[in-house]
């Protein structure tokens, strides 16, 4: 995807002037640079071995009968879009009209566009994976461009998502997937050194005085990433609303928020899941926990949380999730539970989590929830029983949430019918369902619903009230509101003891936590003296001195 620079080499001084000039035009508030620009060493006359990376993608053309994957180029400089004649013929595309067009630019070449060599994987793949960006057109060679999308289509496929990468490249998100563009330097050391000097010059000349104290300058926020994250969150929100439904029992159903319009080509991951299955089974048998773990899957099957994959669906596109047990002996409710690994992948292929929007960063909400918890005289906490498992998944996404377990000593394929613990988007989906449900309560419950909407962190709720009457009203009404969505708000706990009546008679069935010290969002809440405690685990390692 390279296009070598054919013109005369640009000098350091020319680059510096363009950067300053553009900045001054774009932002009059910028501090102007006075005097001559500092000249870089005489290397400025050396020919720069850089190449321009143009936007290409691998796309699938579907004519309703057959499909064909082709290499496509996005070119905003072309007024029209084109497809090679033999590609159109292979897809049996029929002409609906024709017109004569005279092309006189660039030597009247009888091709769609020039060569577009691919960007080698090893040069950029690690950085793309850190950003959870997957490019369809990476690798060696220079396959032919079979379709060119010009300005008549360009604006319709660009989503606005942009991520700046190292080395001058930019990742651009489109409705067809991510693509790369920008100037890319060669691996020659001297050329890299020159580019570094020039880049440094850009930032120095364009620095605003206000940047010295802006938060994004020291890395607390990042305007570019924040903007892209806002766009991603909005796309996830649009998908959530388009898939959202509710059955007669009041249970909500959602879809997975894919980063692309259609589920991407991810591997089945079955071999990895099978290998991990044998390992987990040995561990469970050694710990004598196999039957307890097996009982969980049996209960889920009876409740419709999971189902066996029908034989006629076995060869559909699918993805298998490895799983392992998590032990919590201190828990009164669930001492062992399965956790599914949606980050599992094979080689350089994407994992399921890589292909999904994860939604907003929920960790940022913890300080606000804790402050509201300490705001009034009485604190109250609760949690939603098996919260993820109360939300159904739409059928087209269930085959991407398969897993393996045993039945009659044979491996059996299962798939999830509910939201899965271990998939990156699950906390977002739970929060989105709660937000939607609480925003659609009757008018007389709006105040209570708004308070509850600010209380949850994933499946835990923490808030505060002024007195016992408000506590009674809050617990009764919120329990009833969530029951309408098939969610059980339970393990209620309130305090401090001296400020509350612990012997209240409730109008609904309230499940309480009677312990005096309970966990609250990673802290310990002592209800006796109303304190939050952090207990760090510090283990001193006593090692024998060496010589």
Protein backbone atom coordinates (compact mmCIF):
# COMPACT_ATOMS: atom_id res chain seq x y z
CA UNK A 1 0.00 0.00 0.00
CA UNK A 2 3.02 2.27 -0.57
CA UNK A 3 3.26 5.12 -3.03
CA UNK A 4 6.89 6.33 -3.36
CA UNK A 5 7.40 10.07 -3.31
CA UNK A 6 8.43 11.01 -6.87
CA UNK A 7 8.94 14.75 -6.37
CA UNK A 8 12.03 16.61 -5.24
CA UNK A 9 13.00 16.20 -1.60
CA UNK A 10 11.27 18.54 0.83
CA UNK A 11 13.72 20.44 2.99
CA UNK A 12 13.48 20.76 6.75
CA UNK A 13 12.83 24.49 6.44
CA UNK A 14 9.90 23.95 4.07
CA UNK A 15 8.29 21.41 6.40
CA UNK A 16 8.66 23.72 9.39
CA UNK A 17 7.05 26.66 7.59
CA UNK A 18 4.03 24.66 6.44
CA UNK A 19 3.38 23.39 9.96
CA UNK A 20 3.51 26.86 11.52
CA UNK A 21 1.43 28.44 8.76
CA UNK A 22 -1.34 25.86 9.04
CA UNK A 23 -1.47 26.17 12.80
CA UNK A 24 -1.78 29.94 12.67
CA UNK A 25 -4.60 29.72 10.13
CA UNK A 26 -6.45 27.06 12.14
CA UNK A 27 -6.14 28.68 15.54
CA UNK A 28 -5.61 32.42 15.96
CA UNK A 29 -5.17 31.90 19.69
CA UNK A 30 -1.91 30.04 19.15
CA UNK A 31 1.23 31.80 20.22
CA UNK A 32 2.95 33.14 17.08
CA UNK A 33 6.56 32.22 16.43
CA UNK A 34 8.82 35.19 15.84
CA UNK A 35 12.09 35.14 13.98
CA UNK A 36 13.61 32.63 11.62
CA UNK A 37 12.94 28.96 12.01
CA UNK A 38 15.96 27.03 13.29
CA UNK A 39 17.72 25.25 10.46
CA UNK A 40 18.41 21.59 10.85
CA UNK A 41 21.72 20.05 9.72
CA UNK A 42 22.65 19.84 6.05
CA UNK A 43 20.96 16.44 5.72
CA UNK A 44 17.97 18.40 4.51
CA UNK A 45 19.22 18.02 0.95
CA UNK A 46 19.29 14.23 1.10
CA UNK A 47 16.51 12.39 -0.73
CA UNK A 48 14.03 11.12 1.83
CA UNK A 49 13.13 7.42 1.48
CA UNK A 50 9.53 7.79 2.59
CA UNK A 51 6.39 6.33 1.11
CA UNK A 52 2.77 7.38 1.27
CA UNK A 53 0.41 4.70 2.52
CA UNK A 54 -2.98 4.86 0.80
CA UNK A 55 -6.27 3.55 2.14
CA UNK A 56 -7.08 0.00 1.01
CA UNK A 57 -9.42 -2.68 2.35
CA UNK A 58 -10.47 -6.24 1.67
CA UNK A 59 -14.23 -6.12 1.14
CA UNK A 60 -16.86 -8.69 0.26
CA UNK A 61 -19.14 -7.98 -2.70
CA UNK A 62 -22.47 -9.78 -2.54
CA UNK A 63 -24.78 -9.82 -5.56
CA UNK A 64 -27.48 -11.78 -3.74
CA UNK A 65 -26.40 -15.09 -5.26
CA UNK A 66 -22.63 -15.29 -4.94
CA UNK A 67 -19.90 -13.49 -3.01
CA UNK A 68 -16.40 -12.37 -3.89
CA UNK A 69 -13.68 -10.84 -1.74
CA UNK A 70 -11.80 -8.08 -3.55
CA UNK A 71 -9.14 -5.53 -2.74
CA UNK A 72 -10.59 -2.03 -2.66
CA UNK A 73 -9.01 1.44 -2.57
CA UNK A 74 -10.62 4.52 -0.99
CA UNK A 75 -9.74 7.61 -3.04
CA UNK A 76 -11.39 10.94 -2.19
CA UNK A 77 -9.54 12.47 -5.16
CA UNK A 78 -11.60 10.44 -7.62
CA UNK A 79 -14.98 11.84 -8.58
CA UNK A 80 -16.41 8.41 -9.36
CA UNK A 81 -16.19 4.81 -8.22
CA UNK A 82 -14.93 1.99 -10.45
CA UNK A 83 -14.82 -1.80 -10.61
CA UNK A 84 -12.72 -3.92 -12.95
CA UNK A 85 -14.60 -5.40 -15.90
CA UNK A 86 -13.58 -8.99 -15.15
CA UNK A 87 -14.66 -8.58 -11.49
CA UNK A 88 -18.08 -7.33 -12.57
CA UNK A 89 -18.30 -10.21 -15.03
CA UNK A 90 -17.30 -12.77 -12.40
CA UNK A 91 -20.12 -11.50 -10.17
CA UNK A 92 -22.55 -11.44 -13.10
CA UNK A 93 -23.28 -7.75 -12.53
CA UNK A 94 -25.53 -6.36 -15.23
CA UNK A 95 -25.12 -2.88 -16.68
CA UNK A 96 -28.11 -0.58 -16.14
CA UNK A 97 -26.75 2.34 -18.19
CA UNK A 98 -23.61 3.54 -19.97
CA UNK A 99 -21.92 6.81 -20.87
CA UNK A 100 -18.72 7.95 -22.53
CA UNK A 101 -16.09 9.45 -20.25
CA UNK A 102 -12.79 10.99 -21.30
CA UNK A 103 -9.92 10.56 -18.83
CA UNK A 104 -7.02 12.93 -19.48
CA UNK A 105 -5.27 12.96 -16.13
CA UNK A 106 -1.95 11.24 -15.40
CA UNK A 107 -1.23 9.95 -18.89
CA UNK A 108 -4.56 8.29 -19.66
CA UNK A 109 -3.70 5.02 -17.91
CA UNK A 110 -6.18 2.24 -18.68
CA UNK A 111 -6.28 1.02 -15.07
CA UNK A 112 -8.37 1.89 -12.04
CA UNK A 113 -5.35 3.15 -10.10
CA UNK A 114 -1.64 2.58 -9.64
CA UNK A 115 -0.04 -0.12 -7.52
CA UNK A 116 -0.97 -0.21 -3.87
CA UNK A 117 1.62 -2.38 -2.08
CA UNK A 118 0.51 -3.69 1.30
CA UNK A 119 1.95 -2.52 4.58
CA UNK A 120 4.03 -5.39 6.07
CA UNK A 121 2.50 -6.86 9.22
CA UNK A 122 5.65 -6.76 11.30
CA UNK A 123 5.96 -2.98 11.00
CA UNK A 124 2.66 -2.06 12.65
CA UNK A 125 0.75 -5.11 13.90
CA UNK A 126 1.72 -4.83 17.58
CA UNK A 127 0.63 -1.21 17.79
CA UNK A 128 -2.67 -1.96 16.04
CA UNK A 129 -3.40 -4.77 18.50
CA UNK A 130 -2.85 -2.40 21.44
CA UNK A 131 -5.55 -0.13 19.99
CA UNK A 132 -7.82 -3.12 19.16
CA UNK A 133 -7.67 -2.23 15.48
CA UNK A 134 -7.81 -4.99 12.88
CA UNK A 135 -6.78 -4.25 9.32
CA UNK A 136 -8.06 -6.53 6.57
CA UNK A 137 -5.34 -5.59 4.04
CA UNK A 138 -1.96 -6.31 5.63
CA UNK A 139 0.89 -8.52 4.49
CA UNK A 140 3.36 -8.91 1.68
CA UNK A 141 2.95 -8.39 -2.03
CA UNK A 142 0.86 -6.03 -4.09
CA UNK A 143 -2.49 -7.61 -5.07
CA UNK A 144 -4.46 -5.86 -7.79
CA UNK A 145 -7.05 -3.26 -6.85
CA UNK A 146 -10.36 -4.53 -8.23
CA UNK A 147 -12.59 -1.75 -6.93
CA UNK A 148 -12.04 1.96 -6.31
CA UNK A 149 -14.45 3.97 -4.16
CA UNK A 150 -14.35 7.65 -5.06
CA UNK A 151 -15.86 10.78 -3.53
CA UNK A 152 -19.37 9.72 -4.56
CA UNK A 153 -19.14 6.94 -1.94
CA UNK A 154 -16.24 8.04 0.29
CA UNK A 155 -18.24 10.29 2.63
CA UNK A 156 -20.86 7.58 3.13
CA UNK A 157 -18.43 4.97 4.45
CA UNK A 158 -16.18 7.13 6.67
CA UNK A 159 -17.39 6.96 10.30
CA UNK A 160 -15.13 9.65 11.75
CA UNK A 161 -13.08 7.34 13.96
CA UNK A 162 -9.37 8.22 13.77
CA UNK A 163 -6.32 7.02 15.73
CA UNK A 164 -2.85 8.52 15.29
CA UNK A 165 -0.14 5.86 15.11
CA UNK A 166 3.61 6.04 15.44
CA UNK A 167 5.73 6.86 12.43
CA UNK A 168 3.29 9.27 10.82
CA UNK A 169 0.54 6.77 10.02
CA UNK A 170 -3.15 7.25 10.78
CA UNK A 171 -5.80 4.57 11.29
CA UNK A 172 -9.19 5.56 9.85
CA UNK A 173 -12.41 3.74 10.74
CA UNK A 174 -14.97 3.08 8.00
CA UNK A 175 -18.19 1.11 7.74
CA UNK A 176 -16.10 -1.48 5.88
CA UNK A 177 -13.49 -1.77 8.65
CA UNK A 178 -10.30 0.04 9.66
CA UNK A 179 -7.73 1.18 7.10
CA UNK A 180 -4.33 2.92 7.22
CA UNK A 181 -3.04 6.05 5.51
CA UNK A 182 -0.23 8.59 5.85
CA UNK A 183 3.47 8.99 5.18
CA UNK A 184 5.59 6.07 6.29
CA UNK A 185 9.37 6.25 6.66
CA UNK A 186 11.73 3.49 5.57
CA UNK A 187 13.76 1.44 8.02
CA UNK A 188 16.97 3.34 7.16
CA UNK A 189 18.43 4.71 10.41
CA UNK A 190 19.53 8.08 9.02
CA UNK A 191 16.15 8.77 7.53
CA UNK A 192 14.47 7.91 10.81
CA UNK A 193 16.75 10.34 12.59
CA UNK A 194 15.84 13.15 10.17
CA UNK A 195 12.12 12.51 10.55
CA UNK A 196 12.41 12.60 14.34
CA UNK A 197 14.09 16.00 14.20
CA UNK A 198 11.39 17.34 11.91
CA UNK A 199 8.56 16.01 14.07
CA UNK A 200 10.12 17.63 17.12
CA UNK A 201 10.28 20.89 15.20
CA UNK A 202 6.56 20.69 14.39
CA UNK A 203 5.52 20.43 18.02
CA UNK A 204 7.87 23.15 19.26
CA UNK A 205 6.72 25.64 16.64
CA UNK A 206 3.03 24.88 17.22
CA UNK A 207 3.06 24.88 21.02
CA UNK A 208 0.47 27.11 22.66
CA UNK A 209 1.24 28.63 26.05
CA UNK A 210 -2.02 27.18 27.39
CA UNK A 211 -0.76 23.68 26.51
CA UNK A 212 1.67 23.94 29.42
CA UNK A 213 -1.16 23.46 31.91
CA UNK A 214 -3.77 21.57 29.86
CA UNK A 215 -4.49 18.10 31.31
CA UNK A 216 -4.17 16.33 27.98
CA UNK A 217 -0.55 17.55 27.70
CA UNK A 218 0.49 15.42 30.69
CA UNK A 219 -1.50 12.42 29.57
CA UNK A 220 -4.53 12.57 31.88
CA UNK A 221 -6.83 13.01 28.91
CA UNK A 222 -6.25 12.58 25.21
CA UNK A 223 -8.43 14.68 22.93
CA UNK A 224 -7.92 12.41 19.92
CA UNK A 225 -8.63 9.19 21.79
CA UNK A 226 -11.52 10.77 23.71
CA UNK A 227 -13.18 11.86 20.50
CA UNK A 228 -12.73 8.43 18.98
CA UNK A 229 -13.99 6.78 22.18
CA UNK A 230 -17.08 8.99 22.12
CA UNK A 231 -17.77 7.89 18.55
CA UNK A 232 -17.27 4.22 19.48
CA UNK A 233 -19.59 4.57 22.48
CA UNK A 234 -22.23 6.20 20.28
CA UNK A 235 -21.97 3.37 17.73
CA UNK A 236 -22.32 0.83 20.54
CA UNK A 237 -25.36 2.72 21.82
CA UNK A 238 -26.97 2.70 18.37
CA UNK A 239 -26.45 -1.07 18.07
CA UNK A 240 -27.79 -1.63 21.57
CA UNK A 241 -31.03 0.22 20.83
CA UNK A 242 -31.47 -1.45 17.43
CA UNK A 243 -31.18 -4.96 18.95
CA UNK A 244 -33.05 -4.29 22.22
CA UNK A 245 -36.33 -6.13 22.79
CA UNK A 246 -38.41 -7.41 25.70
CA UNK A 247 -40.47 -10.57 26.07
CA UNK A 248 -43.83 -11.08 27.76
CA UNK A 249 -42.17 -11.89 31.09
CA UNK A 250 -40.38 -8.53 31.08
CA UNK A 251 -36.93 -9.99 30.35
CA UNK A 252 -34.73 -7.88 28.05
CA UNK A 253 -32.88 -9.25 25.02
CA UNK A 254 -29.76 -7.62 23.52
CA UNK A 255 -27.19 -8.22 20.79
CA UNK A 256 -23.40 -8.15 20.89
CA UNK A 257 -22.05 -4.68 19.97
CA UNK A 258 -19.79 -5.61 17.03
CA UNK A 259 -17.16 -3.14 15.91
CA UNK A 260 -18.25 -3.86 12.34
CA UNK A 261 -21.73 -4.03 10.84
CA UNK A 262 -21.48 -7.81 10.54
CA UNK A 263 -19.60 -10.26 12.79
CA UNK A 264 -16.00 -10.37 11.49
CA UNK A 265 -14.14 -13.41 10.23
CA UNK A 266 -12.80 -14.72 13.53
CA UNK A 267 -11.53 -18.29 13.90
CA UNK A 268 -13.69 -20.90 15.62
CA UNK A 269 -11.08 -21.28 18.40
CA UNK A 270 -12.38 -24.81 18.98
CA UNK A 271 -8.96 -26.44 19.23
CA UNK A 272 -7.88 -23.96 21.91
CA UNK A 273 -11.16 -24.48 23.78
CA UNK A 274 -10.74 -28.27 23.61
CA UNK A 275 -7.16 -28.14 24.91
CA UNK A 276 -8.23 -25.92 27.80
CA UNK A 277 -11.19 -28.23 28.52
CA UNK A 278 -8.87 -31.19 29.20
CA UNK A 279 -6.67 -29.02 31.44
CA UNK A 280 -9.61 -27.66 33.46
CA UNK A 281 -11.13 -31.12 33.84
CA UNK A 282 -7.88 -32.52 35.30
CA UNK A 283 -7.67 -29.60 37.73
CA UNK A 284 -11.28 -30.01 38.88
CA UNK A 285 -10.88 -33.75 39.43
CA UNK A 286 -7.68 -33.23 41.42
CA UNK A 287 -9.48 -30.68 43.62
CA UNK A 288 -12.59 -32.88 43.83
CA UNK A 289 -14.68 -30.02 42.47
CA UNK A 290 -15.71 -31.59 39.17
CA UNK A 291 -19.27 -32.50 40.20
CA UNK A 292 -19.93 -29.06 41.72
CA UNK A 293 -18.75 -27.42 38.49
CA UNK A 294 -20.74 -29.86 36.37
CA UNK A 295 -23.86 -29.16 38.46
CA UNK A 296 -23.70 -25.47 37.51
CA UNK A 297 -23.90 -26.29 33.81
CA UNK A 298 -26.71 -28.75 34.51
CA UNK A 299 -28.69 -26.06 36.34
CA UNK A 300 -28.05 -23.56 33.54
CA UNK A 301 -29.29 -26.06 30.98
CA UNK A 302 -32.50 -26.64 32.96
CA UNK A 303 -33.08 -22.88 33.32
CA UNK A 304 -32.49 -22.14 29.62
CA UNK A 305 -29.36 -20.08 30.30
CA UNK A 306 -27.42 -22.36 27.94
CA UNK A 307 -28.48 -24.91 25.33
CA UNK A 308 -26.96 -27.72 23.31
CA UNK A 309 -25.99 -26.73 19.79
CA UNK A 310 -28.42 -28.48 17.41
CA UNK A 311 -26.77 -30.84 14.93
CA UNK A 312 -27.94 -28.79 11.93
CA UNK A 313 -26.22 -25.71 13.43
CA UNK A 314 -22.87 -27.35 14.21
CA UNK A 315 -21.22 -26.14 11.00
CA UNK A 316 -22.46 -22.55 11.13
CA UNK A 317 -19.97 -19.72 11.65
CA UNK A 318 -19.09 -19.90 15.32
CA UNK A 319 -16.55 -19.15 18.03
CA UNK A 320 -15.73 -21.25 21.10
CA UNK A 321 -14.84 -19.73 24.48
CA UNK A 322 -12.50 -21.57 26.86
CA UNK A 323 -13.60 -21.48 30.50
CA UNK A 324 -12.18 -22.13 33.94
CA UNK A 325 -13.49 -22.18 37.53
CA UNK A 326 -13.12 -19.34 40.01
CA UNK A 327 -13.32 -20.36 43.67
CA UNK A 328 -14.75 -18.05 46.35
CA UNK A 329 -14.97 -20.12 49.55
CA UNK A 330 -15.97 -17.04 51.58
CA UNK A 331 -19.09 -16.50 49.45
CA UNK A 332 -22.37 -17.69 50.96
CA UNK A 333 -24.15 -17.77 47.60
CA UNK A 334 -21.68 -19.01 44.97
CA UNK A 335 -18.44 -20.69 46.04
CA UNK A 336 -17.50 -21.82 42.53
CA UNK A 337 -18.47 -20.37 39.17
CA UNK A 338 -17.33 -20.66 35.54
CA UNK A 339 -15.57 -17.70 33.94
CA UNK A 340 -15.30 -17.57 30.14
CA UNK A 341 -12.20 -16.32 28.35
CA UNK A 342 -13.33 -14.11 25.46
CA UNK A 343 -9.77 -12.79 25.07
CA UNK A 344 -8.54 -16.20 23.95
CA UNK A 345 -7.16 -16.20 20.43
CA UNK A 346 -5.14 -18.27 18.01
CA UNK A 347 -1.90 -16.73 16.73
CA UNK A 348 -2.36 -13.22 15.35
CA UNK A 349 -6.10 -13.61 14.75
CA UNK A 350 -8.44 -11.39 16.77
CA UNK A 351 -10.21 -12.64 19.87
CA UNK A 352 -13.94 -12.16 20.43
CA UNK A 353 -13.25 -9.23 22.77
CA UNK A 354 -11.15 -7.59 20.05
CA UNK A 355 -14.21 -7.54 17.79
CA UNK A 356 -16.63 -5.95 20.28
CA UNK A 357 -17.16 -2.46 21.63
CA UNK A 358 -16.49 -2.56 25.37
CA UNK A 359 -18.44 0.61 26.11
CA UNK A 360 -17.44 3.40 28.53
CA UNK A 361 -14.73 2.86 31.14
CA UNK A 362 -16.78 1.90 34.21
CA UNK A 363 -13.83 2.23 36.61
CA UNK A 364 -14.14 6.00 36.25
CA UNK A 365 -17.56 5.77 37.94
CA UNK A 366 -16.24 4.30 41.21
CA UNK A 367 -15.26 7.63 42.88
CA UNK A 368 -18.68 9.14 42.08
CA UNK A 369 -20.56 6.12 43.42
CA UNK A 370 -18.47 6.14 46.62
CA UNK A 371 -19.06 9.87 47.13
CA UNK A 372 -22.83 9.40 46.78
CA UNK A 373 -22.58 6.47 49.19
CA UNK A 374 -21.03 8.80 51.83
CA UNK A 375 -23.23 11.81 51.05
CA UNK A 376 -26.14 11.25 53.47
CA UNK A 377 -26.57 9.87 56.98
CA UNK A 378 -27.44 6.28 56.06
CA UNK A 379 -25.58 4.16 53.53
CA UNK A 380 -27.30 1.33 51.64
CA UNK A 381 -25.85 -1.40 49.43
CA UNK A 382 -27.24 -4.34 47.46
CA UNK A 383 -26.50 -6.44 44.40
CA UNK A 384 -28.45 -7.96 41.53
CA UNK A 385 -28.60 -11.75 41.71
CA UNK A 386 -26.80 -13.30 38.71
CA UNK A 387 -27.24 -10.01 36.87
CA UNK A 388 -25.69 -10.97 33.51
CA UNK A 389 -27.73 -14.16 33.32
CA UNK A 390 -31.00 -12.20 33.51
CA UNK A 391 -30.44 -10.66 30.05
CA UNK A 392 -31.07 -12.72 26.92
CA UNK A 393 -28.91 -12.66 23.79
CA UNK A 394 -30.42 -12.43 20.34
CA UNK A 395 -30.17 -15.69 18.41
CA UNK A 396 -27.72 -14.62 15.62
CA UNK A 397 -25.01 -13.90 18.23
CA UNK A 398 -25.33 -17.09 20.28
CA UNK A 399 -23.10 -19.19 18.02
CA UNK A 400 -20.19 -16.84 18.77
CA UNK A 401 -20.56 -17.75 22.46
CA UNK A 402 -20.19 -21.51 22.25
CA UNK A 403 -18.23 -23.61 24.73
CA UNK A 404 -17.37 -27.25 25.34
CA UNK A 405 -18.28 -29.47 28.27
CA UNK A 406 -18.88 -33.13 28.96
CA UNK A 407 -22.02 -35.22 28.57
CA UNK A 408 -21.84 -38.97 29.19
CA UNK A 409 -18.02 -38.71 29.04
CA UNK A 410 -18.18 -37.23 25.53
CA UNK A 411 -17.48 -33.66 24.48
CA UNK A 412 -20.70 -31.75 23.89
CA UNK A 413 -21.08 -28.37 22.17
CA UNK A 414 -23.11 -25.78 24.10
CA UNK A 415 -23.95 -22.13 23.45
CA UNK A 416 -25.05 -19.28 25.68
CA UNK A 417 -28.54 -17.80 25.54
CA UNK A 418 -27.72 -15.06 28.05
CA UNK A 419 -25.05 -12.39 28.51
CA UNK A 420 -21.73 -14.01 29.45
CA UNK A 421 -19.43 -13.17 32.36
CA UNK A 422 -15.95 -12.70 30.85
CA UNK A 423 -16.97 -10.96 27.61
CA UNK A 424 -15.72 -7.36 27.60
CA UNK A 425 -19.05 -5.83 26.56
CA UNK A 426 -21.15 -7.58 29.25
CA UNK A 427 -20.84 -4.85 31.94
CA UNK A 428 -21.79 -2.27 29.31
CA UNK A 429 -24.83 -4.29 28.19
CA UNK A 430 -25.99 -4.70 31.79
CA UNK A 431 -25.59 -0.98 32.48
CA UNK A 432 -27.36 -0.07 29.24
CA UNK A 433 -30.32 -2.33 30.05
CA UNK A 434 -30.59 -0.90 33.58
CA UNK A 435 -30.39 2.65 32.22
CA UNK A 436 -33.07 1.97 29.62
CA UNK A 437 -35.37 0.24 32.10
CA UNK A 438 -35.04 2.94 34.76
CA UNK A 439 -35.63 5.72 32.24
CA UNK A 440 -38.98 4.19 31.25
CA UNK A 441 -40.62 3.84 34.68
CA UNK A 442 -43.93 5.58 35.50
CA UNK A 443 -43.79 9.25 36.41
CA UNK A 444 -44.39 8.65 40.13
CA UNK A 445 -41.23 6.47 40.29
CA UNK A 446 -38.93 8.83 38.36
CA UNK A 447 -37.21 10.25 41.46
CA UNK A 448 -36.45 6.82 42.92
CA UNK A 449 -35.33 5.52 39.50
CA UNK A 450 -32.97 8.47 38.99
CA UNK A 451 -31.37 7.78 42.38
CA UNK A 452 -30.96 4.09 41.58
CA UNK A 453 -29.56 4.91 38.14
CA UNK A 454 -26.65 6.72 39.82
CA UNK A 455 -26.04 3.92 42.33
CA UNK A 456 -24.93 0.84 40.36
CA UNK A 457 -21.42 -0.25 39.47
CA UNK A 458 -21.92 -3.30 37.22
CA UNK A 459 -24.17 -5.52 39.41
CA UNK A 460 -23.47 -3.78 42.75
CA UNK A 461 -25.46 -0.81 44.05
CA UNK A 462 -24.32 1.72 46.65
CA UNK A 463 -26.12 4.91 47.66
CA UNK A 464 -27.20 6.86 50.75
CA UNK A 465 -30.42 8.27 52.20
CA UNK A 466 -31.32 10.80 54.89
CA UNK A 467 -33.46 8.76 57.33
CA UNK A 468 -35.24 5.46 57.97
CA UNK A 469 -38.40 6.46 56.12
CA UNK A 470 -36.45 7.27 52.95
CA UNK A 471 -34.51 4.01 53.36
CA UNK A 472 -37.73 2.01 53.61
CA UNK A 473 -39.23 3.68 50.55
CA UNK A 474 -36.04 3.29 48.49
CA UNK A 475 -35.60 -0.42 49.21
CA UNK A 476 -39.23 -1.36 48.58
CA UNK A 477 -39.68 0.64 45.38
CA UNK A 478 -36.33 -0.21 43.76
CA UNK A 479 -36.80 -3.91 44.50
CA UNK A 480 -40.20 -3.82 42.79
CA UNK A 481 -38.94 -1.76 39.83
CA UNK A 482 -36.13 -4.21 38.99
CA UNK A 483 -38.39 -7.21 39.57
CA UNK A 484 -40.37 -6.01 36.53
CA UNK A 485 -37.20 -6.63 34.46
CA UNK A 486 -36.76 -10.12 35.99
CA UNK A 487 -33.92 -8.86 38.19
CA UNK A 488 -33.67 -9.65 41.89
CA UNK A 489 -32.15 -6.80 43.93
CA UNK A 490 -30.95 -8.61 47.04
CA UNK A 491 -28.38 -8.78 49.88
CA UNK A 492 -29.51 -5.42 51.20
CA UNK A 493 -27.30 -3.87 53.83
CA UNK A 494 -27.59 -0.48 55.50
CA UNK A 495 -25.88 1.42 58.27
CA UNK A 496 -24.38 2.64 60.47
CA UNK A 497 -26.22 0.62 63.12
CA UNK A 498 -26.79 3.58 65.43
CA UNK A 499 -28.58 5.58 62.71
CA UNK A 500 -30.93 2.88 61.43
CA UNK A 501 -33.65 0.56 62.59
CA UNK A 502 -32.41 -2.94 61.82
CA UNK A 503 -35.76 -4.58 62.73
CA UNK A 504 -37.89 -3.02 60.01
CA UNK A 505 -40.88 -5.01 58.69
CA UNK A 506 -40.85 -4.82 54.89
CA UNK A 507 -43.75 -4.90 52.45
CA UNK A 508 -41.67 -7.02 50.05
CA UNK A 509 -39.39 -10.01 50.49
CA UNK A 510 -36.02 -8.42 51.34
CA UNK A 511 -32.88 -10.56 51.36
CA UNK A 512 -30.43 -9.00 53.81
CA UNK A 513 -26.71 -9.26 54.51
CA UNK A 514 -26.37 -9.28 58.31
CA UNK A 515 -22.57 -9.14 58.50
CA UNK A 516 -21.12 -6.13 60.30
CA UNK A 517 -18.28 -5.74 57.78
CA UNK A 518 -19.15 -6.00 54.08
CA UNK A 519 -17.31 -5.26 50.81
CA UNK A 520 -18.19 -2.05 48.96
CA UNK A 521 -16.52 -1.51 45.56
CA UNK A 522 -13.16 -2.93 46.61
CA UNK A 523 -13.24 -1.45 50.12
CA UNK A 524 -14.48 -2.86 53.46
CA UNK A 525 -17.39 -1.07 55.13
CA UNK A 526 -17.52 -1.46 58.91
CA UNK A 527 -21.14 -0.71 59.78
CA UNK A 528 -20.42 -0.54 63.51
CA UNK A 529 -18.37 2.67 63.36
CA UNK A 530 -19.28 3.60 59.74
CA UNK A 531 -15.77 3.51 58.30
CA UNK A 532 -14.36 2.42 54.97
CA UNK A 533 -11.20 0.36 55.31
CA UNK A 534 -8.47 -0.60 52.88
CA UNK A 535 -6.54 -3.73 53.83
CA UNK A 536 -3.49 -4.08 51.58
CA UNK A 537 -1.87 -7.47 51.43
CA UNK A 538 1.79 -6.95 52.26
CA UNK A 539 3.83 -10.11 52.33
CA UNK A 540 7.43 -9.82 53.45
CA UNK A 541 9.74 -12.20 51.66
CA UNK A 542 12.55 -13.40 53.90
CA UNK A 543 15.36 -14.60 51.70
CA UNK A 544 18.76 -15.88 52.65
CA UNK A 545 21.52 -13.41 51.83
CA UNK A 546 23.73 -14.30 48.92
CA UNK A 547 27.43 -13.74 48.54
